[in-house]
C-alpha atoms as a PDB file:
ATOM      1  CA  MET A   1      14.556   5.047 -16.617  1.00  0.00           C
ATOM      2  CA  THR A   2      12.797   2.476 -14.399  1.00  0.00           C
ATOM      3  CA  VAL A   3      13.393  -1.002 -13.053  1.00  0.00           C
ATOM      4  CA  THR A   4      10.221  -3.092 -13.287  1.00  0.00           C
ATOM      5  CA  ALA A   5       8.979  -5.705 -10.801  1.00  0.00           C
ATOM      6  CA  ASN A   6      10.227  -8.312 -13.309  1.00  0.00           C
ATOM      7  CA  ALA A   7      13.775  -6.927 -12.888  1.00  0.00           C
ATOM      8  CA  GLU A   8      13.805  -5.409 -16.386  1.00  0.00           C
ATOM      9  CA  VAL A   9      15.520  -2.073 -16.939  1.00  0.00           C
ATOM     10  CA  CYS A  10      13.282   0.201 -19.032  1.00  0.00           C
ATOM     11  CA  VAL A  11      14.746   3.245 -20.775  1.00  0.00           C
ATOM     12  CA  ARG A  12      12.411   5.710 -22.490  1.00  0.00           C
ATOM     13  CA  THR A  13      14.221   8.266 -24.598  1.00  0.00           C
ATOM     14  CA  PRO A  14      13.662  10.331 -27.679  1.00  0.00           C
ATOM     15  CA  ILE A  15      15.342   8.735 -30.670  1.00  0.00           C
ATOM     16  CA  LYS A  16      19.023   8.559 -29.773  1.00  0.00           C
ATOM     17  CA  SER A  17      21.918   6.411 -30.753  1.00  0.00           C
ATOM     18  CA  GLU A  18      22.325   3.016 -29.178  1.00  0.00           C
ATOM     19  CA  GLN A  19      25.662   4.204 -27.804  1.00  0.00           C
ATOM     20  CA  ALA A  20      23.973   7.099 -25.962  1.00  0.00           C
ATOM     21  CA  VAL A  21      21.620   4.618 -24.262  1.00  0.00           C
ATOM     22  CA  ARG A  22      24.568   2.362 -23.335  1.00  0.00           C
ATOM     23  CA  ASN A  23      26.383   5.357 -21.829  1.00  0.00           C
ATOM     24  CA  LEU A  24      23.284   6.261 -19.827  1.00  0.00           C
ATOM     25  CA  LEU A  25      23.000   2.701 -18.502  1.00  0.00           C
ATOM     26  CA  LYS A  26      26.686   2.687 -17.579  1.00  0.00           C
ATOM     27  CA  SER A  27      26.364   5.999 -15.711  1.00  0.00           C
ATOM     28  CA  LYS A  28      23.357   4.654 -13.760  1.00  0.00           C
ATOM     29  CA  GLU A  29      24.920   1.268 -13.004  1.00  0.00           C
ATOM     30  CA  ASN A  30      24.984   1.797  -9.205  1.00  0.00           C
ATOM     31  CA  TRP A  31      21.379   3.022  -9.130  1.00  0.00           C
ATOM     32  CA  ILE A  32      20.219   0.022 -11.195  1.00  0.00           C
ATOM     33  CA  GLY A  33      22.125  -2.309  -8.851  1.00  0.00           C
ATOM     34  CA  GLU A  34      20.421  -0.775  -5.797  1.00  0.00           C
ATOM     35  CA  LYS A  35      16.981  -1.157  -7.382  1.00  0.00           C
ATOM     36  CA  LEU A  36      17.634  -4.792  -8.296  1.00  0.00           C
ATOM     37  CA  LYS A  37      18.906  -5.462  -4.764  1.00  0.00           C
ATOM     38  CA  SER A  38      15.739  -3.971  -3.228  1.00  0.00           C
ATOM     39  CA  LEU A  39      13.586  -6.090  -5.575  1.00  0.00           C
ATOM     40  CA  LEU A  40      15.446  -9.206  -4.466  1.00  0.00           C
ATOM     41  CA  GLU A  41      14.837  -8.258  -0.837  1.00  0.00           C
ATOM     42  CA  ILE A  42      11.104  -7.761  -1.474  1.00  0.00           C
ATOM     43  CA  TYR A  43      10.721 -11.070  -3.294  1.00  0.00           C
ATOM     44  CA  SER A  44      12.719 -13.026  -0.721  1.00  0.00           C
ATOM     45  CA  HIS A  45      10.066 -12.068   1.851  1.00  0.00           C
ATOM     46  CA  ARG A  46       7.191 -13.003  -0.434  1.00  0.00           C
ATOM     47  CA  HIS A  47       3.725 -13.912   0.764  1.00  0.00           C
ATOM     48  CA  VAL A  48       2.868 -17.590   0.119  1.00  0.00           C
ATOM     49  CA  PRO A  49      -0.925 -18.158   0.015  1.00  0.00           C
ATOM     50  CA  GLY A  50      -2.051 -20.652   2.637  1.00  0.00           C
ATOM     51  CA  LYS A  51       1.309 -20.551   4.457  1.00  0.00           C
ATOM     52  CA  THR A  52       2.054 -16.912   5.217  1.00  0.00           C
ATOM     53  CA  LEU A  53       0.146 -13.726   5.916  1.00  0.00           C
ATOM     54  CA  ARG A  54       1.208 -10.174   5.066  1.00  0.00           C
ATOM     55  CA  PHE A  55      -0.030  -8.187   8.075  1.00  0.00           C
ATOM     56  CA  ARG A  56       0.870  -4.759   9.477  1.00  0.00           C
ATOM     57  CA  GLY A  57       3.934  -4.501   7.268  1.00  0.00           C
ATOM     58  CA  GLU A  58       5.422  -7.921   8.065  1.00  0.00           C
ATOM     59  CA  ILE A  59       5.172 -11.482   6.751  1.00  0.00           C
ATOM     60  CA  TYR A  60       3.910 -13.969   9.364  1.00  0.00           C
ATOM     61  CA  ASP A  61       3.435 -17.710   9.390  1.00  0.00           C
ATOM     62  CA  VAL A  62      -0.329 -18.332   9.264  1.00  0.00           C
ATOM     63  CA  SER A  63      -0.054 -20.592  12.331  1.00  0.00           C
ATOM     64  CA  GLN A  64       0.396 -17.427  14.431  1.00  0.00           C
ATOM     65  CA  PHE A  65      -3.275 -16.616  13.750  1.00  0.00           C
ATOM     66  CA  PRO A  66      -5.148 -19.702  15.062  1.00  0.00           C
ATOM     67  CA  LYS A  67      -8.628 -18.734  13.833  1.00  0.00           C
ATOM     68  CA  LEU A  68      -7.441 -18.095  10.256  1.00  0.00           C
ATOM     69  CA  HIS A  69      -5.054 -21.075  10.331  1.00  0.00           C
ATOM     70  CA  LYS A  70      -7.866 -23.458  11.289  1.00  0.00           C
ATOM     71  CA  LYS A  71     -10.027 -22.231   8.386  1.00  0.00           C
ATOM     72  CA  LEU A  72      -7.164 -22.496   5.881  1.00  0.00           C
ATOM     73  CA  GLU A  73      -6.326 -26.063   6.970  1.00  0.00           C
ATOM     74  CA  LYS A  74      -9.844 -27.140   5.953  1.00  0.00           C
ATOM     75  CA  VAL A  75      -9.695 -25.475   2.547  1.00  0.00           C
ATOM     76  CA  GLN A  76      -7.888 -26.855  -0.486  1.00  0.00           C
ATOM     77  CA  LYS A  77      -8.680 -24.450  -3.327  1.00  0.00           C
ATOM     78  CA  ASP A  78      -6.814 -21.148  -3.724  1.00  0.00           C
ATOM     79  CA  VAL A  79     -10.125 -19.384  -4.448  1.00  0.00           C
ATOM     80  CA  ASN A  80     -11.390 -20.254  -0.968  1.00  0.00           C
ATOM     81  CA  ILE A  81      -8.055 -19.347   0.606  1.00  0.00           C
ATOM     82  CA  GLU A  82      -8.381 -15.853  -0.862  1.00  0.00           C
ATOM     83  CA  LYS A  83     -11.867 -15.556   0.638  1.00  0.00           C
ATOM     84  CA  TYR A  84     -10.602 -16.389   4.135  1.00  0.00           C
ATOM     85  CA  TYR A  85      -7.677 -13.991   3.855  1.00  0.00           C
ATOM     86  CA  HIS A  86     -10.056 -11.213   2.871  1.00  0.00           C
ATOM     87  CA  GLN A  87     -12.413 -12.071   5.727  1.00  0.00           C
ATOM     88  CA  PHE A  88      -9.465 -11.877   8.147  1.00  0.00           C
ATOM     89  CA  TYR A  89      -8.335  -8.479   6.800  1.00  0.00           C
ATOM     90  CA  ARG A  90     -11.898  -7.133   6.909  1.00  0.00           C
ATOM     91  CA  GLU A  91     -12.352  -8.188  10.553  1.00  0.00           C
ATOM     92  CA  GLU A  92      -9.005  -6.659  11.509  1.00  0.00           C
ATOM     93  CA  ALA A  93      -9.773  -3.442   9.625  1.00  0.00           C
ATOM     94  CA  THR A  94     -13.151  -2.977  11.319  1.00  0.00           C
ATOM     95  CA  LEU A  95     -11.578  -3.626  14.742  1.00  0.00           C
ATOM     96  CA  THR A  96      -8.392  -1.591  14.326  1.00  0.00           C
ATOM     97  CA  LEU A  97      -8.979   1.254  11.908  1.00  0.00           C
ATOM     98  CA  PRO A  98     -11.954   3.178  13.381  1.00  0.00           C
ATOM     99  CA  SER A  99      -9.939   4.366  16.401  1.00  0.00           C
ATOM    100  CA  ARG A 100      -7.023   5.437  14.179  1.00  0.00           C
ATOM    101  CA  ILE A 101      -9.388   7.213  11.788  1.00  0.00           C
ATOM    102  CA  GLU A 102     -11.128   8.957  14.706  1.00  0.00           C
ATOM    103  CA  TYR A 103      -7.755  10.039  16.132  1.00  0.00           C
ATOM    104  CA  TYR A 104      -6.714  11.734  12.871  1.00  0.00           C
ATOM    105  CA  ALA A 105     -10.226  13.090  12.173  1.00  0.00           C
ATOM    106  CA  ARG A 106     -10.154  14.895  15.539  1.00  0.00           C
ATOM    107  CA  LYS A 107      -6.565  16.036  15.069  1.00  0.00           C
ATOM    108  CA  MET A 108      -7.262  17.368  11.555  1.00  0.00           C
ATOM    109  CA  GLN A 109     -10.780  18.566  12.430  1.00  0.00           C
ATOM    110  CA  MET A 110     -12.127  16.778   9.368  1.00  0.00           C
ATOM    111  CA  HIS A 111     -14.957  14.348   9.928  1.00  0.00           C
ATOM    112  CA  PRO A 112     -16.283  12.129   7.127  1.00  0.00           C
ATOM    113  CA  SER A 113     -20.046  11.771   6.729  1.00  0.00           C
ATOM    114  CA  GLU A 114     -19.523   8.006   6.535  1.00  0.00           C
ATOM    115  CA  ILE A 115     -16.646   5.530   6.726  1.00  0.00           C
ATOM    116  CA  ARG A 116     -16.699   2.318   4.702  1.00  0.00           C
ATOM    117  CA  PHE A 117     -14.389  -0.662   4.410  1.00  0.00           C
ATOM    118  CA  LYS A 118     -14.149  -2.812   1.305  1.00  0.00           C
ATOM    119  CA  LYS A 119     -11.640  -4.710  -0.771  1.00  0.00           C
ATOM    120  CA  MET A 120     -10.345  -2.656  -3.685  1.00  0.00           C
ATOM    121  CA  ARG A 121      -8.011  -3.854  -6.415  1.00  0.00           C
ATOM    122  CA  ARG A 122      -6.129  -0.698  -7.341  1.00  0.00           C
ATOM    123  CA  ARG A 123      -6.388   1.863  -4.553  1.00  0.00           C
ATOM    124  CA  TRP A 124      -5.875   2.030  -0.840  1.00  0.00           C
ATOM    125  CA  GLY A 125      -8.742   4.436  -0.225  1.00  0.00           C
ATOM    126  CA  SER A 126     -11.117   6.975  -1.705  1.00  0.00           C
ATOM    127  CA  CYS A 127     -13.150  10.007  -0.690  1.00  0.00           C
ATOM    128  CA  ASP A 128     -16.185  11.251  -2.574  1.00  0.00           C
ATOM    129  CA  SER A 129     -17.764  14.708  -2.730  1.00  0.00           C
ATOM    130  CA  ARG A 130     -20.423  13.706  -0.166  1.00  0.00           C
ATOM    131  CA  GLY A 131     -17.682  13.112   2.405  1.00  0.00           C
ATOM    132  CA  VAL A 132     -17.877   9.318   2.276  1.00  0.00           C
ATOM    133  CA  VAL A 133     -14.419   7.877   2.903  1.00  0.00           C
ATOM    134  CA  THR A 134     -13.758   4.274   1.875  1.00  0.00           C
ATOM    135  CA  PHE A 135     -10.706   2.326   2.990  1.00  0.00           C
ATOM    136  CA  ASN A 136      -9.346  -0.800   1.364  1.00  0.00           C
ATOM    137  CA  THR A 137      -9.438  -3.642   3.899  1.00  0.00           C
ATOM    138  CA  LEU A 138      -6.193  -4.921   2.378  1.00  0.00           C
ATOM    139  CA  MET A 139      -4.375  -1.961   3.929  1.00  0.00           C
ATOM    140  CA  MET A 140      -4.116  -4.233   6.982  1.00  0.00           C
ATOM    141  CA  GLN A 141      -1.185  -5.775   5.077  1.00  0.00           C
ATOM    142  CA  LEU A 142       0.732  -2.518   5.526  1.00  0.00           C
ATOM    143  CA  SER A 143       2.752  -1.092   8.391  1.00  0.00           C
ATOM    144  CA  TYR A 144       0.972   1.325  10.732  1.00  0.00           C
ATOM    145  CA  GLU A 145       3.096   4.106   9.261  1.00  0.00           C
ATOM    146  CA  HIS A 146       1.597   3.461   5.801  1.00  0.00           C
ATOM    147  CA  ILE A 147      -1.901   2.919   7.228  1.00  0.00           C
ATOM    148  CA  ASP A 148      -1.723   6.308   8.952  1.00  0.00           C
ATOM    149  CA  TYR A 149      -0.584   7.919   5.704  1.00  0.00           C
ATOM    150  CA  ILE A 150      -3.619   6.512   3.854  1.00  0.00           C
ATOM    151  CA  ILE A 151      -5.963   7.709   6.604  1.00  0.00           C
ATOM    152  CA  VAL A 152      -4.510  11.239   6.613  1.00  0.00           C
ATOM    153  CA  HIS A 153      -4.465  11.287   2.788  1.00  0.00           C
ATOM    154  CA  GLU A 154      -8.159  10.396   2.507  1.00  0.00           C
ATOM    155  CA  LEU A 155      -9.216  12.762   5.303  1.00  0.00           C
ATOM    156  CA  ALA A 156      -7.295  15.586   3.581  1.00  0.00           C
ATOM    157  CA  HIS A 157      -9.569  15.036   0.561  1.00  0.00           C
ATOM    158  CA  LEU A 158     -12.448  16.322   2.701  1.00  0.00           C
ATOM    159  CA  ARG A 159     -10.857  19.764   2.330  1.00  0.00           C
ATOM    160  CA  HIS A 160      -9.092  19.374  -1.054  1.00  0.00           C
ATOM    161  CA  MET A 161     -10.739  17.021  -3.567  1.00  0.00           C
ATOM    162  CA  ASN A 162      -7.560  16.916  -5.661  1.00  0.00           C
ATOM    163  CA  HIS A 163      -3.833  16.290  -5.338  1.00  0.00           C
ATOM    164  CA  SER A 164      -2.785  19.939  -5.459  1.00  0.00           C
ATOM    165  CA  LYS A 165       0.132  21.591  -3.696  1.00  0.00           C
ATOM    166  CA  ASP A 166      -2.279  22.655  -0.929  1.00  0.00           C
ATOM    167  CA  PHE A 167      -3.494  19.070  -0.536  1.00  0.00           C
ATOM    168  CA  HIS A 168       0.042  17.679  -0.130  1.00  0.00           C
ATOM    169  CA  GLY A 169       0.912  20.572   2.192  1.00  0.00           C
ATOM    170  CA  LEU A 170      -2.034  19.646   4.406  1.00  0.00           C
ATOM    171  CA  VAL A 171      -0.983  15.983   4.529  1.00  0.00           C
ATOM    172  CA  ARG A 172       2.579  17.091   5.337  1.00  0.00           C
ATOM    173  CA  CYS A 173       1.278  19.097   8.341  1.00  0.00           C
ATOM    174  CA  TYR A 174       0.348  15.791   9.984  1.00  0.00           C
ATOM    175  CA  LEU A 175       2.952  13.479   8.454  1.00  0.00           C
ATOM    176  CA  SER A 176       6.251  15.226   7.791  1.00  0.00           C
ATOM    177  CA  ASP A 177       7.612  12.307   5.727  1.00  0.00           C
ATOM    178  CA  GLU A 178       4.597  12.372   3.389  1.00  0.00           C
ATOM    179  CA  LYS A 179       6.730  12.275   0.231  1.00  0.00           C
ATOM    180  CA  ARG A 180       8.601   9.130   1.276  1.00  0.00           C
ATOM    181  CA  LEU A 181       5.405   7.345   2.350  1.00  0.00           C
ATOM    182  CA  ARG A 182       3.642   8.275  -0.893  1.00  0.00           C
ATOM    183  CA  ARG A 183       6.604   7.013  -2.938  1.00  0.00           C
ATOM    184  CA  GLU A 184       6.736   3.726  -0.996  1.00  0.00           C
ATOM    185  CA  LEU A 185       3.002   3.119  -1.361  1.00  0.00           C
ATOM    186  CA  ARG A 186       3.241   3.522  -5.136  1.00  0.00           C
ATOM    187  CA  GLU A 187       5.513   0.480  -5.161  1.00  0.00           C
ATOM    188  CA  ILE A 188       3.284  -1.641  -2.915  1.00  0.00           C
ATOM    189  CA  ARG A 189       0.190  -3.212  -4.402  1.00  0.00           C
ATOM    190  CA  PRO A 190      -2.631  -5.006  -2.584  1.00  0.00           C
ATOM    191  CA  ILE A 191      -2.279  -8.794  -2.843  1.00  0.00           C
END
């Protein structure tokens, strides 16, 4: 059973009676209520293009970032607004992330052959077999806690190119709440 971002309750079951599904829903009523409440909380703090900025895990008024605000005031079309947001995130990523990546690379003793930053639609990062680690510039929307998780996750792929038990154990050595962070990131999508 899941609650979708559209606040729909989805039940996947083998063929059962309608009454069995109703009983299941009734027994999970509190859980469903909690999920709907958390969705409401997420959407009440929604990013509004041109007015707000999702940055380091919080929603800010764009006016708090004068350089970006000035650019957005001049632009009318949403397409251009998106371009300026991405430019802002890219600049912030290239300024902020290298020191955090270096910190964890030294701590984990895992050094990528190359580090890249680019906008990705569906993932927060990637690591290829040549040791090239790529980070999504949109991760600047996330809290530092989630950013650190992504960094450690991708660096761990330098040793384990899979999501095995050993891989997750390695990540957990550096971030004890790895399971919670992984679960939370599954629910957050780049915007």
